[in-house]
Amino acid sequence: MYHYDHHDQSFVEARAREFRNQVERRLAGQLTEDEFKPLRLQNGLYLQLHAYMLRVAIPYGELNSQQLRKLGYIADTYDKGYGHFTTRQNIQFNWPKLVDTPDILDHLADVQMHAIQTSGNCIRNVTSDPFAGVAADEFIDPRPVSELMRQWSMLHPEFAFLPRKFKFAVTGAAEDRAAIKFHDIGIWAKADAAGEPVFDVYVGGGQGRTPRVAKLFESAVPLIELMPLLDAMLRVYNLHGRRDNKYKARIKILVEELGLENYRDEVRAELANIDRAPFVSVEGEYERICNAFEEGTPEMSPEKAIDLKTATPAFKRWVESNVAAHRVQGWAIAQISVKPKGGIPGDVTGAQMRALADLADHYSRGELRITHRQNVVFPYVRATDLEALYQGLSAIGLGEDNIGEASDIIACPGLDYCALATARSIPVAQELSTMLRAREAADDLGPISLNISGCINACGHHHAANIGILGLNKAEKENYQITLGGRSDERASVGEILGPGFAQDDVPGAVSKIIDTYLRLRTGEQERFPDTYARVGKEPFKEAVYVGA
């Protein structure tokens, strides 16, 4: 795991002091809300429907147990006893008081954390594969380049006020677990024939009102060229991106309006004139960061494999659902579902955070990850420790065996919290969770992604789900539109609208009919939902839902 150096630590401490002064001036009436707004947004502080919300950065989703304990302390001391993991691998606190936010930032700085650039029209938290460094299918570890990008983008003077927020995602494995093709720029890290890192760069992905799958901009970019290229790509976007209409301000619109080739030409022209002086140390800095990660990686020699022959049915189900292949024999990647039956996706109590920190110390070398699906990963678990870990998780209400299943729902906060939302997401997710856990116990549904957004901004990633649900306001009533066939992996695609929307009470029934249709039409248990949908098309699902089977 990467640790701050003196420069990093001094920076976040100074930023916290600066914000304390700004809050004091706001509370004293020396700053109006309009004057204060850009200052608080630069420190991750939103004003939502009922209270302020503070979003804390978790770069590429990586945490240690000390940091998680601190987040649990903040949840209990300054919030209502819980936090919410987000699709950018961050955590949000929904109820902090303005007067307390400087103290919260001080606490974060004490454990090498901050809330900088988690909001505003800037480069947001760089997300990555939560299995980074331990995945069995990994080409190269994507964390070093993610950290390099974090340092490059932090308070970049040219990119602090972009036309719109900007999102990067990085993966380094055969399977895309970071949804890189639904980002403004996605990076697929690989190794060339000599074992050196090279990067396929995708551009123009995103969701919202105009969902788009990113297009390949350039393949096999060497490390020495990557950072100048990203700089040039952002400069062209900053120059030409729309500022007159926020719904057309993302880079996906610019790429579409210019055309990929014209955008590429503009970037190459910018790249030809770019000052290379700031980038001469890139390779040395990358090597330093790689060494820092290598030094922080626990020693893992091959261990004994797990034997499930005598395992209890509950533990066996959990292993089959929640445990992923590790690069070292006898070790495991344990995925922890934060989606209990009837629960709120992504919500974790302060007590659970402290318990997870203790479990991470015992079973994962003190390290854990947050996923873009709002779950938790323990990356360093001996296979022989899995049963004890499972028992510990079950004791704190986090032993659900549904990773990758339909009840592993992504959901945004929706109208319960968000000032932009047009419908509620949380109650729908809770109702669906209850129904789907019963279905999963009775039927072998296989992997299905189901995501819910409370407005067209798509913070719940509904476009990228096999079954997507979008909450809208129609005639002053909440109405839920369903999309089918989306996926966020290496074969990314945008879901297709099924038909007219549904009242909230009718959503579980509609989803159940969709699942029934899938089970009837799939060619075997190995055929996944998006493959069945691609093969048979919309009509059988539409007929089942709107006409009746």
Protein backbone atom coordinates (compact mmCIF):
# COMPACT_ATOMS: atom_id res chain seq x y z
CA MET A 1 0.00 0.00 0.00
CA TYR A 2 1.25 3.49 -0.85
CA HIS A 3 2.03 5.82 2.09
CA TYR A 4 2.26 9.60 2.03
CA ASP A 5 5.67 11.22 2.04
CA HIS A 6 6.40 14.46 3.90
CA HIS A 7 5.14 16.56 0.98
CA ASP A 8 1.80 14.70 0.80
CA GLN A 9 1.24 14.95 4.54
CA SER A 10 2.14 18.63 4.74
CA PHE A 11 -0.17 19.36 1.84
CA VAL A 12 -3.32 17.76 3.30
CA GLU A 13 -2.67 19.32 6.72
CA ALA A 14 -2.28 22.78 5.16
CA ARG A 15 -5.44 22.28 3.13
CA ALA A 16 -7.38 21.36 6.26
CA ARG A 17 -6.16 24.52 8.02
CA GLU A 18 -7.14 26.61 5.02
CA PHE A 19 -10.65 25.19 4.99
CA ARG A 20 -11.05 25.76 8.74
CA ASN A 21 -10.51 29.47 8.12
CA GLN A 22 -13.04 29.45 5.26
CA VAL A 23 -15.68 27.73 7.42
CA GLU A 24 -15.10 30.20 10.25
CA ARG A 25 -15.61 33.08 7.84
CA ARG A 26 -18.81 31.49 6.50
CA LEU A 27 -20.21 30.95 10.00
CA ALA A 28 -19.33 34.53 10.94
CA GLY A 29 -21.25 35.83 7.94
CA GLN A 30 -18.12 37.12 6.20
CA LEU A 31 -18.79 34.85 3.22
CA THR A 32 -22.16 34.37 1.55
CA GLU A 33 -23.27 30.89 0.52
CA ASP A 34 -22.55 31.76 -3.12
CA GLU A 35 -19.02 32.81 -2.16
CA PHE A 36 -18.53 29.76 0.05
CA LYS A 37 -19.90 27.19 -2.40
CA PRO A 38 -16.83 26.85 -4.67
CA LEU A 39 -14.60 26.67 -1.58
CA ARG A 40 -16.55 23.86 0.06
CA LEU A 41 -16.91 21.93 -3.19
CA GLN A 42 -13.12 21.91 -3.56
CA ASN A 43 -13.08 20.11 -0.21
CA GLY A 44 -15.78 17.55 -0.98
CA LEU A 45 -18.61 19.27 0.92
CA TYR A 46 -22.04 19.27 -0.73
CA LEU A 47 -25.30 20.82 0.42
CA GLN A 48 -27.96 18.17 -0.15
CA LEU A 49 -31.69 18.06 0.55
CA HIS A 50 -31.55 17.97 4.33
CA ALA A 51 -27.95 18.57 5.38
CA TYR A 52 -24.37 18.83 4.22
CA MET A 53 -22.71 15.74 2.78
CA LEU A 54 -18.95 15.16 2.96
CA ARG A 55 -17.36 12.85 0.40
CA VAL A 56 -13.98 11.43 1.43
CA ALA A 57 -11.47 10.27 -1.18
CA ILE A 58 -10.22 6.69 -1.17
CA PRO A 59 -7.69 6.67 -4.03
CA TYR A 60 -8.18 3.58 -6.22
CA GLY A 61 -10.30 2.18 -3.38
CA GLU A 62 -7.40 1.17 -1.11
CA LEU A 63 -7.63 1.52 2.69
CA ASN A 64 -5.78 0.25 5.72
CA SER A 65 -7.37 -0.77 8.99
CA GLN A 66 -6.27 2.42 10.80
CA GLN A 67 -8.00 4.54 8.18
CA LEU A 68 -11.20 2.49 8.37
CA ARG A 69 -11.26 2.82 12.15
CA LYS A 70 -10.98 6.57 11.72
CA LEU A 71 -13.90 6.54 9.29
CA GLY A 72 -15.91 4.59 11.85
CA TYR A 73 -15.01 7.17 14.50
CA ILE A 74 -16.16 9.99 12.18
CA ALA A 75 -19.43 8.15 11.47
CA ASP A 76 -20.20 7.83 15.18
CA THR A 77 -18.90 11.22 16.31
CA TYR A 78 -19.97 13.57 13.55
CA ASP A 79 -22.68 11.70 11.62
CA LYS A 80 -25.58 9.39 12.47
CA GLY A 81 -23.49 6.28 12.97
CA TYR A 82 -22.88 5.17 9.41
CA GLY A 83 -21.18 5.99 6.12
CA HIS A 84 -22.00 5.17 2.52
CA PHE A 85 -19.52 3.58 0.08
CA THR A 86 -19.88 5.02 -3.43
CA THR A 87 -19.35 3.88 -6.99
CA ARG A 88 -16.11 5.91 -7.12
CA GLN A 89 -14.72 3.76 -4.31
CA ASN A 90 -15.13 6.70 -1.89
CA ILE A 91 -17.18 7.08 1.28
CA GLN A 92 -19.85 9.71 1.99
CA PHE A 93 -21.10 11.04 5.31
CA ASN A 94 -24.62 12.36 4.89
CA TRP A 95 -25.20 14.35 8.09
CA PRO A 96 -22.11 16.31 9.19
CA LYS A 97 -22.60 19.80 10.62
CA LEU A 98 -20.73 22.60 8.88
CA VAL A 99 -19.04 23.67 12.12
CA ASP A 100 -17.60 20.15 12.51
CA THR A 101 -16.17 19.70 9.02
CA PRO A 102 -12.74 21.26 9.77
CA ASP A 103 -12.32 18.82 12.66
CA ILE A 104 -13.28 15.95 10.36
CA LEU A 105 -10.64 17.02 7.82
CA ASP A 106 -8.05 17.18 10.59
CA HIS A 107 -8.95 13.63 11.64
CA LEU A 108 -8.65 12.49 8.02
CA ALA A 109 -5.25 14.15 7.62
CA ASP A 110 -4.04 12.26 10.72
CA VAL A 111 -4.45 8.99 8.79
CA GLN A 112 -3.32 10.24 5.35
CA MET A 113 -6.80 10.93 3.97
CA HIS A 114 -8.65 13.95 2.62
CA ALA A 115 -11.73 15.09 0.70
CA ILE A 116 -9.98 17.14 -2.00
CA GLN A 117 -11.35 16.90 -5.55
CA THR A 118 -14.22 14.62 -4.62
CA SER A 119 -16.55 17.26 -6.04
CA GLY A 120 -16.49 20.16 -8.46
CA ASN A 121 -15.53 20.32 -12.14
CA CYS A 122 -12.11 18.78 -11.70
CA ILE A 123 -10.41 15.40 -12.02
CA ARG A 124 -12.15 13.20 -9.49
CA ASN A 125 -10.87 10.20 -7.53
CA VAL A 126 -9.04 7.78 -9.84
CA THR A 127 -10.72 4.38 -9.55
CA SER A 128 -9.20 0.99 -10.26
CA ASP A 129 -9.55 -2.77 -10.02
CA PRO A 130 -10.26 -3.72 -6.38
CA PHE A 131 -8.25 -6.92 -6.99
CA ALA A 132 -5.19 -4.88 -8.03
CA GLY A 133 -1.89 -6.53 -7.14
CA VAL A 134 -3.42 -9.91 -6.26
CA ALA A 135 -5.68 -10.90 -9.17
CA ALA A 136 -4.90 -14.21 -10.86
CA ASP A 137 -5.62 -12.70 -14.29
CA GLU A 138 -3.56 -9.52 -13.84
CA PHE A 139 -1.12 -8.28 -16.52
CA ILE A 140 0.42 -5.59 -14.32
CA ASP A 141 -0.60 -3.94 -11.07
CA PRO A 142 -2.65 -0.82 -11.99
CA ARG A 143 -2.14 0.91 -8.63
CA PRO A 144 1.25 2.53 -9.37
CA VAL A 145 -0.02 4.31 -12.49
CA SER A 146 -3.22 5.22 -10.61
CA GLU A 147 -1.09 6.81 -7.88
CA LEU A 148 1.03 8.56 -10.50
CA MET A 149 -2.17 10.01 -11.98
CA ARG A 150 -3.40 11.04 -8.53
CA GLN A 151 -0.24 13.03 -7.95
CA TRP A 152 -0.34 14.55 -11.44
CA SER A 153 -3.99 15.58 -11.20
CA MET A 154 -4.05 16.86 -7.60
CA LEU A 155 -4.64 20.62 -7.85
CA HIS A 156 -3.41 20.64 -11.45
CA PRO A 157 -3.54 24.38 -12.24
CA GLU A 158 -5.11 23.92 -15.68
CA PHE A 159 -7.71 21.33 -14.69
CA ALA A 160 -9.24 22.72 -11.51
CA PHE A 161 -12.20 24.28 -13.37
CA LEU A 162 -12.98 22.00 -16.31
CA PRO A 163 -16.22 22.24 -18.31
CA ARG A 164 -17.52 19.35 -16.17
CA LYS A 165 -16.30 16.79 -13.66
CA PHE A 166 -13.80 14.32 -15.11
CA LYS A 167 -13.38 10.65 -14.25
CA PHE A 168 -10.55 8.19 -14.85
CA ALA A 169 -10.54 4.43 -14.28
CA VAL A 170 -7.60 2.05 -14.60
CA THR A 171 -7.45 -1.73 -14.85
CA GLY A 172 -4.56 -4.10 -15.43
CA ALA A 173 -6.21 -7.51 -15.79
CA ALA A 174 -7.91 -9.62 -18.44
CA GLU A 175 -11.32 -8.99 -16.83
CA ASP A 176 -12.34 -5.36 -16.50
CA ARG A 177 -13.52 -4.94 -12.90
CA ALA A 178 -13.17 -1.13 -13.01
CA ALA A 179 -15.73 -0.33 -15.77
CA ILE A 180 -13.10 1.64 -17.70
CA LYS A 181 -15.27 2.00 -20.81
CA PHE A 182 -17.89 3.99 -18.89
CA HIS A 183 -15.39 6.71 -17.95
CA ASP A 184 -14.25 9.95 -19.53
CA ILE A 185 -10.87 8.27 -19.97
CA GLY A 186 -10.31 4.59 -19.26
CA ILE A 187 -6.87 3.01 -19.14
CA TRP A 188 -6.11 -0.67 -19.65
CA ALA A 189 -2.61 -1.39 -18.36
CA LYS A 190 -0.76 -4.27 -19.96
CA ALA A 191 2.81 -5.53 -20.43
CA ASP A 192 4.66 -5.57 -23.74
CA ALA A 193 6.91 -8.41 -24.97
CA ALA A 194 9.75 -7.13 -22.81
CA GLY A 195 7.56 -6.98 -19.73
CA GLU A 196 7.42 -3.18 -19.73
CA PRO A 197 4.11 -1.42 -18.95
CA VAL A 198 2.05 -0.14 -21.88
CA PHE A 199 -1.42 1.37 -21.81
CA ASP A 200 -4.49 1.19 -24.03
CA VAL A 201 -6.27 4.53 -23.66
CA TYR A 202 -10.04 4.83 -24.17
CA VAL A 203 -11.94 8.13 -24.33
CA GLY A 204 -15.49 9.41 -24.35
CA GLY A 205 -17.31 6.97 -22.09
CA GLY A 206 -19.93 7.98 -19.57
CA GLN A 207 -23.51 7.70 -18.45
CA GLY A 208 -26.10 10.36 -17.62
CA ARG A 209 -28.48 11.68 -20.27
CA THR A 210 -26.31 10.47 -23.14
CA PRO A 211 -24.66 7.19 -22.15
CA ARG A 212 -21.68 6.24 -24.26
CA VAL A 213 -19.14 3.42 -24.32
CA ALA A 214 -15.60 4.80 -24.58
CA LYS A 215 -13.68 4.41 -27.84
CA LEU A 216 -10.09 3.28 -28.19
CA PHE A 217 -7.96 6.39 -28.61
CA GLU A 218 -4.55 4.72 -28.78
CA SER A 219 -3.16 1.31 -27.88
CA ALA A 220 0.15 0.26 -26.31
CA VAL A 221 1.15 3.76 -25.15
CA PRO A 222 4.53 3.52 -23.36
CA LEU A 223 4.82 4.92 -19.86
CA ILE A 224 7.03 7.85 -20.89
CA GLU A 225 4.30 9.00 -23.30
CA LEU A 226 1.25 8.32 -21.14
CA MET A 227 1.29 11.34 -18.87
CA PRO A 228 1.98 13.90 -21.66
CA LEU A 229 -0.80 12.26 -23.67
CA LEU A 230 -3.30 12.54 -20.80
CA ASP A 231 -2.27 16.15 -20.27
CA ALA A 232 -2.86 16.94 -23.95
CA MET A 233 -6.22 15.13 -23.97
CA LEU A 234 -7.39 17.20 -20.99
CA ARG A 235 -6.12 20.44 -22.52
CA VAL A 236 -8.11 19.89 -25.71
CA TYR A 237 -11.19 19.09 -23.67
CA ASN A 238 -10.66 22.12 -21.44
CA LEU A 239 -10.39 24.35 -24.51
CA HIS A 240 -13.29 22.99 -26.56
CA GLY A 241 -15.64 21.41 -24.01
CA ARG A 242 -19.09 22.98 -23.73
CA ARG A 243 -19.54 25.39 -20.83
CA ASP A 244 -22.91 26.75 -21.95
CA ASN A 245 -24.85 23.56 -21.20
CA LYS A 246 -23.85 21.19 -18.39
CA TYR A 247 -25.70 18.32 -20.05
CA LYS A 248 -23.41 18.63 -23.06
CA ALA A 249 -20.22 19.47 -21.19
CA ARG A 250 -18.65 16.01 -20.81
CA ILE A 251 -15.82 14.86 -23.03
CA LYS A 252 -18.07 12.20 -24.58
CA ILE A 253 -20.05 15.02 -26.25
CA LEU A 254 -16.89 16.70 -27.51
CA VAL A 255 -15.59 13.45 -28.98
CA GLU A 256 -18.94 12.80 -30.61
CA GLU A 257 -19.28 16.33 -32.03
CA LEU A 258 -15.71 16.51 -33.32
CA GLY A 259 -15.48 12.87 -34.27
CA LEU A 260 -12.79 10.62 -32.79
CA GLU A 261 -10.30 11.26 -35.60
CA ASN A 262 -10.62 15.04 -35.39
CA TYR A 263 -10.30 14.92 -31.61
CA ARG A 264 -7.23 12.70 -32.00
CA ASP A 265 -5.71 15.20 -34.46
CA GLU A 266 -6.29 18.05 -32.01
CA VAL A 267 -4.63 16.07 -29.22
CA ARG A 268 -1.64 15.18 -31.36
CA ALA A 269 -1.20 18.82 -32.35
CA GLU A 270 -1.28 19.79 -28.68
CA LEU A 271 1.10 16.97 -27.83
CA ALA A 272 3.60 18.13 -30.45
CA ASN A 273 3.91 21.51 -28.72
CA ILE A 274 3.64 20.40 -25.12
CA ASP A 275 6.41 21.27 -22.69
CA ARG A 276 8.01 17.95 -21.78
CA ALA A 277 10.01 19.34 -18.87
CA PRO A 278 7.37 18.48 -16.22
CA PHE A 279 7.35 14.87 -17.41
CA VAL A 280 11.06 14.02 -17.52
CA SER A 281 10.86 12.39 -14.08
CA VAL A 282 7.84 10.21 -14.87
CA GLU A 283 9.71 6.93 -15.22
CA GLY A 284 11.73 7.52 -12.06
CA GLU A 285 8.62 8.49 -10.10
CA TYR A 286 6.74 5.46 -11.42
CA GLU A 287 9.59 3.21 -10.31
CA ARG A 288 9.60 4.85 -6.86
CA ILE A 289 5.86 4.28 -6.53
CA CYS A 290 6.15 0.66 -7.74
CA ASN A 291 8.84 0.04 -5.13
CA ALA A 292 6.64 1.61 -2.44
CA PHE A 293 3.81 -0.77 -3.31
CA GLU A 294 6.19 -3.73 -3.48
CA GLU A 295 7.64 -2.89 -0.08
CA GLY A 296 4.15 -2.59 1.36
CA THR A 297 2.96 -5.93 -0.04
CA PRO A 298 2.79 -8.75 2.51
CA GLU A 299 5.04 -11.73 1.95
CA MET A 300 2.95 -14.51 0.46
CA SER A 301 4.49 -17.93 -0.03
CA PRO A 302 2.28 -20.76 -1.32
CA GLU A 303 -0.09 -22.11 1.29
CA LYS A 304 -2.46 -25.03 1.66
CA ALA A 305 -5.60 -24.88 -0.50
CA ILE A 306 -9.04 -24.87 1.09
CA ASP A 307 -11.00 -28.13 1.22
CA LEU A 308 -14.77 -27.63 1.10
CA LYS A 309 -15.72 -31.32 1.31
CA THR A 310 -16.68 -31.05 4.97
CA ALA A 311 -17.72 -27.39 4.91
CA THR A 312 -21.14 -26.31 6.11
CA PRO A 313 -23.57 -25.46 3.28
CA ALA A 314 -23.65 -21.78 4.32
CA PHE A 315 -19.85 -21.41 4.29
CA LYS A 316 -19.55 -23.31 1.02
CA ARG A 317 -22.11 -20.99 -0.62
CA TRP A 318 -20.20 -17.96 0.65
CA VAL A 319 -16.89 -19.23 -0.73
CA GLU A 320 -18.41 -20.07 -4.12
CA SER A 321 -20.05 -16.64 -4.37
CA ASN A 322 -17.67 -14.28 -2.60
CA VAL A 323 -14.14 -15.66 -2.99
CA ALA A 324 -12.06 -14.93 -6.08
CA ALA A 325 -8.87 -16.49 -7.41
CA HIS A 326 -5.61 -15.12 -5.98
CA ARG A 327 -2.28 -14.96 -7.82
CA VAL A 328 -0.58 -16.95 -5.04
CA GLN A 329 -1.58 -20.54 -4.40
CA GLY A 330 -3.36 -21.08 -1.11
CA TRP A 331 -4.39 -17.44 -0.77
CA ALA A 332 -7.78 -15.89 -1.53
CA ILE A 333 -9.46 -12.62 -2.42
CA ALA A 334 -12.44 -12.36 -0.08
CA GLN A 335 -15.28 -10.12 -1.24
CA ILE A 336 -17.55 -8.81 1.49
CA SER A 337 -21.09 -7.94 0.53
CA VAL A 338 -22.48 -4.70 1.95
CA LYS A 339 -25.89 -5.72 0.55
CA PRO A 340 -27.76 -7.64 3.26
CA LYS A 341 -31.32 -8.73 2.56
CA GLY A 342 -33.53 -5.63 2.74
CA GLY A 343 -30.53 -3.41 3.50
CA ILE A 344 -29.35 -0.13 1.99
CA PRO A 345 -26.63 -0.82 -0.60
CA GLY A 346 -23.27 0.59 0.43
CA ASP A 347 -24.23 1.65 3.97
CA VAL A 348 -21.88 0.51 6.75
CA THR A 349 -22.21 1.44 10.41
CA GLY A 350 -19.37 2.81 12.49
CA ALA A 351 -19.39 -0.39 14.55
CA GLN A 352 -19.12 -2.48 11.39
CA MET A 353 -16.23 -0.36 10.14
CA ARG A 354 -14.30 -0.96 13.36
CA ALA A 355 -15.11 -4.67 13.24
CA LEU A 356 -13.98 -4.86 9.60
CA ALA A 357 -10.75 -3.11 10.56
CA ASP A 358 -10.15 -5.73 13.27
CA LEU A 359 -10.91 -8.56 10.84
CA ALA A 360 -8.58 -7.02 8.26
CA ASP A 361 -5.79 -6.97 10.85
CA HIS A 362 -6.38 -10.62 11.66
CA TYR A 363 -6.97 -11.99 8.19
CA SER A 364 -5.87 -9.50 5.48
CA ARG A 365 -2.62 -7.96 6.71
CA GLY A 366 -4.48 -4.81 7.72
CA GLU A 367 -5.50 -3.90 4.18
CA LEU A 368 -8.84 -3.74 2.40
CA ARG A 369 -10.38 -2.27 -0.73
CA ILE A 370 -13.67 -0.58 -1.64
CA THR A 371 -15.21 -1.67 -4.94
CA HIS A 372 -17.15 0.38 -7.49
CA ARG A 373 -20.06 -1.93 -6.69
CA GLN A 374 -20.06 -0.53 -3.13
CA ASN A 375 -18.63 -3.63 -1.47
CA VAL A 376 -15.42 -4.43 0.42
CA VAL A 377 -12.48 -6.66 -0.53
CA PHE A 378 -9.89 -8.34 1.69
CA PRO A 379 -6.97 -8.97 -0.70
CA TYR A 380 -4.59 -11.00 1.48
CA VAL A 381 -6.48 -13.90 3.06
CA ARG A 382 -5.00 -17.35 3.59
CA ALA A 383 -7.43 -19.93 2.24
CA THR A 384 -7.26 -21.74 5.58
CA ASP A 385 -8.47 -18.56 7.33
CA LEU A 386 -11.58 -18.14 5.18
CA GLU A 387 -13.93 -20.00 7.50
CA ALA A 388 -12.90 -17.96 10.53
CA LEU A 389 -13.24 -14.78 8.48
CA TYR A 390 -16.71 -15.82 7.33
CA GLN A 391 -17.80 -16.45 10.92
CA GLY A 392 -16.48 -13.03 11.95
CA LEU A 393 -18.33 -11.35 9.10
CA SER A 394 -21.57 -13.18 9.87
CA ALA A 395 -21.36 -11.97 13.47
CA ILE A 396 -21.49 -8.34 12.31
CA GLY A 397 -24.20 -8.81 9.67
CA LEU A 398 -21.84 -8.88 6.67
CA GLY A 399 -21.82 -12.56 5.81
CA GLU A 400 -24.16 -12.30 2.82
CA ASP A 401 -23.26 -14.73 0.02
CA ASN A 402 -24.48 -12.67 -2.95
CA ILE A 403 -21.48 -11.07 -4.66
CA GLY A 404 -22.24 -10.75 -8.38
CA GLU A 405 -25.86 -11.82 -7.98
CA ALA A 406 -28.93 -9.74 -8.73
CA SER A 407 -29.34 -8.73 -5.07
CA ASP A 408 -25.81 -7.25 -5.12
CA ILE A 409 -27.46 -3.98 -6.12
CA ILE A 410 -25.74 -0.68 -6.87
CA ALA A 411 -27.95 2.20 -5.74
CA CYS A 412 -27.39 5.94 -5.45
CA PRO A 413 -28.83 7.82 -2.42
CA GLY A 414 -31.71 9.10 -4.56
CA LEU A 415 -34.42 11.41 -3.33
CA ASP A 416 -33.86 10.45 0.30
CA TYR A 417 -30.73 12.64 0.25
CA CYS A 418 -29.82 14.09 -3.13
CA ALA A 419 -31.06 17.51 -4.26
CA LEU A 420 -30.74 16.45 -7.91
CA ALA A 421 -32.76 13.25 -7.62
CA THR A 422 -36.22 12.89 -9.13
CA ALA A 423 -37.17 9.62 -7.42
CA ARG A 424 -36.15 7.41 -4.55
CA SER A 425 -33.59 4.65 -5.04
CA ILE A 426 -33.12 3.24 -1.56
CA PRO A 427 -36.68 1.90 -0.90
CA VAL A 428 -36.74 0.30 -4.35
CA ALA A 429 -33.39 -1.36 -3.71
CA GLN A 430 -34.60 -2.65 -0.35
CA GLU A 431 -37.77 -4.14 -1.83
CA LEU A 432 -35.87 -5.73 -4.68
CA SER A 433 -33.21 -7.08 -2.34
CA THR A 434 -35.83 -8.88 -0.26
CA MET A 435 -37.49 -10.38 -3.34
CA LEU A 436 -34.25 -11.31 -5.06
CA ARG A 437 -32.67 -13.02 -2.06
CA ALA A 438 -35.72 -15.30 -1.98
CA ARG A 439 -35.39 -15.96 -5.72
CA GLU A 440 -31.65 -16.65 -5.42
CA ALA A 441 -32.30 -19.19 -2.66
CA ALA A 442 -34.82 -21.03 -4.83
CA ASP A 443 -33.28 -20.75 -8.32
CA ASP A 444 -29.80 -20.77 -9.81
CA LEU A 445 -29.95 -17.34 -11.42
CA GLY A 446 -26.23 -17.02 -12.09
CA PRO A 447 -24.43 -13.66 -12.19
CA ILE A 448 -26.76 -10.72 -12.88
CA SER A 449 -26.00 -7.04 -12.35
CA LEU A 450 -28.90 -4.83 -11.22
CA ASN A 451 -28.33 -1.10 -10.66
CA ILE A 452 -30.67 1.73 -9.64
CA SER A 453 -30.39 5.48 -10.23
CA GLY A 454 -32.67 8.10 -8.73
CA CYS A 455 -32.30 10.50 -11.66
CA ILE A 456 -30.96 10.79 -15.19
CA ASN A 457 -27.47 11.66 -13.91
CA ALA A 458 -27.02 7.90 -13.47
CA CYS A 459 -24.93 7.87 -10.28
CA GLY A 460 -26.31 4.36 -9.74
CA HIS A 461 -24.83 3.16 -13.07
CA HIS A 462 -28.18 1.87 -14.32
CA HIS A 463 -27.09 2.15 -17.97
CA ALA A 464 -24.23 -0.28 -17.33
CA ALA A 465 -26.33 -3.01 -15.68
CA ASN A 466 -27.85 -6.18 -17.08
CA ILE A 467 -31.07 -4.87 -15.48
CA GLY A 468 -31.10 -1.12 -14.94
CA ILE A 469 -33.71 0.93 -13.14
CA LEU A 470 -34.04 4.70 -13.54
CA GLY A 471 -36.31 6.71 -11.25
CA LEU A 472 -38.05 9.65 -12.93
CA ASN A 473 -40.71 12.19 -12.03
CA LYS A 474 -43.72 11.96 -14.33
CA ALA A 475 -46.76 14.11 -13.59
CA GLU A 476 -45.46 14.61 -10.03
CA LYS A 477 -45.32 10.86 -9.44
CA GLU A 478 -42.29 8.61 -9.18
CA ASN A 479 -41.96 6.42 -12.23
CA TYR A 480 -39.32 3.75 -12.80
CA GLN A 481 -37.96 2.97 -16.26
CA ILE A 482 -36.24 -0.37 -16.87
CA THR A 483 -33.30 -0.98 -19.21
CA LEU A 484 -31.92 -4.38 -20.21
CA GLY A 485 -28.70 -5.74 -21.66
CA GLY A 486 -26.15 -3.28 -20.28
CA ARG A 487 -22.80 -4.44 -19.00
CA SER A 488 -19.69 -2.74 -17.60
CA ASP A 489 -16.99 -5.33 -18.25
CA GLU A 490 -14.58 -5.59 -21.18
CA ARG A 491 -17.61 -6.12 -23.47
CA ALA A 492 -19.28 -2.93 -22.23
CA SER A 493 -22.65 -1.95 -23.64
CA VAL A 494 -25.47 0.46 -22.81
CA GLY A 495 -28.77 -0.99 -21.65
CA GLU A 496 -31.83 -0.67 -23.88
CA ILE A 497 -35.08 0.86 -22.60
CA LEU A 498 -37.66 -1.92 -22.24
CA GLY A 499 -40.79 0.23 -22.47
CA PRO A 500 -43.04 2.45 -20.32
CA GLY A 501 -42.09 2.93 -16.69
CA PHE A 502 -43.64 1.45 -13.57
CA ALA A 503 -44.95 2.67 -10.24
CA GLN A 504 -42.66 1.78 -7.34
CA ASP A 505 -44.90 -1.04 -6.10
CA ASP A 506 -44.83 -2.68 -9.54
CA VAL A 507 -41.03 -2.74 -9.97
CA PRO A 508 -40.34 -6.01 -8.08
CA GLY A 509 -42.99 -7.83 -10.09
CA ALA A 510 -41.60 -6.54 -13.37
CA VAL A 511 -38.07 -7.56 -12.43
CA SER A 512 -39.28 -11.00 -11.37
CA LYS A 513 -40.94 -11.50 -14.77
CA ILE A 514 -37.71 -10.44 -16.50
CA ILE A 515 -35.79 -13.04 -14.50
CA ASP A 516 -38.41 -15.71 -15.27
CA THR A 517 -38.03 -14.95 -18.97
CA TYR A 518 -34.26 -15.17 -18.76
CA LEU A 519 -34.41 -18.55 -16.99
CA ARG A 520 -36.79 -19.85 -19.65
CA LEU A 521 -34.76 -18.64 -22.62
CA ARG A 522 -31.13 -19.17 -21.60
CA THR A 523 -29.42 -22.09 -23.33
CA GLY A 524 -27.88 -23.38 -20.13
CA GLU A 525 -26.81 -22.31 -16.66
CA GLN A 526 -23.52 -21.00 -18.07
CA GLU A 527 -25.20 -18.46 -20.38
CA ARG A 528 -25.24 -15.10 -18.64
CA PHE A 529 -28.10 -12.61 -18.75
CA PRO A 530 -26.57 -10.09 -21.21
CA ASP A 531 -25.63 -12.92 -23.58
CA THR A 532 -29.17 -14.28 -23.51
CA TYR A 533 -30.54 -10.78 -24.08
CA ALA A 534 -28.14 -10.16 -26.99
CA ARG A 535 -29.23 -13.45 -28.55
CA VAL A 536 -33.02 -13.18 -28.21
CA GLY A 537 -33.51 -9.39 -28.13
CA LYS A 538 -35.99 -7.21 -26.29
CA GLU A 539 -39.34 -8.57 -27.48
CA PRO A 540 -39.65 -11.73 -25.32
CA PHE A 541 -38.92 -9.69 -22.20
CA LYS A 542 -41.25 -6.90 -23.25
CA GLU A 543 -44.07 -9.33 -23.92
CA ALA A 544 -43.58 -11.06 -20.58
CA VAL A 545 -43.58 -7.80 -18.62
CA TYR A 546 -46.29 -5.82 -20.41
CA VAL A 547 -48.55 -8.49 -21.87
CA GLY A 548 -48.02 -11.42 -19.55
CA ALA A 549 -46.37 -14.77 -20.08
